[in-house]
Amino acid sequence: DLAVLLDSAAQAGEVLEAIRKTGGAALTSVDVFDRWEGSGVPEGKVSLTFRLVFQRTDRSLTDPEVAKATDRVVNLLAHRFGGELR
């Protein structure tokens, strides 16, 4: 799961599509399961929490493989959407 601060104008659907494209072939699903504005979140920002599921049908993924894919997603969120991990 990744909790990310984004501009409140960010469109969740656009962010989800970008994550799907960046996560790689092992990313089998991504969903937003929490959205928070208010206490603890700066003005003009929203906290979105994404659940990413990585799987392969032919073998188990290694921790470094999942970490590398997750890092790609985090970098995407930072550079394209100005996101910050919470």
Foldseek 3Di string as FASTA:
>chain_A
DFKKKFFPPDDPVVLLVVLVVQLDPQFPDKDWDDKDDDPPHDPRIIITDMDTGGHDPPDGDDPVSNVVSVVSSVVCCCVVGVMDTD
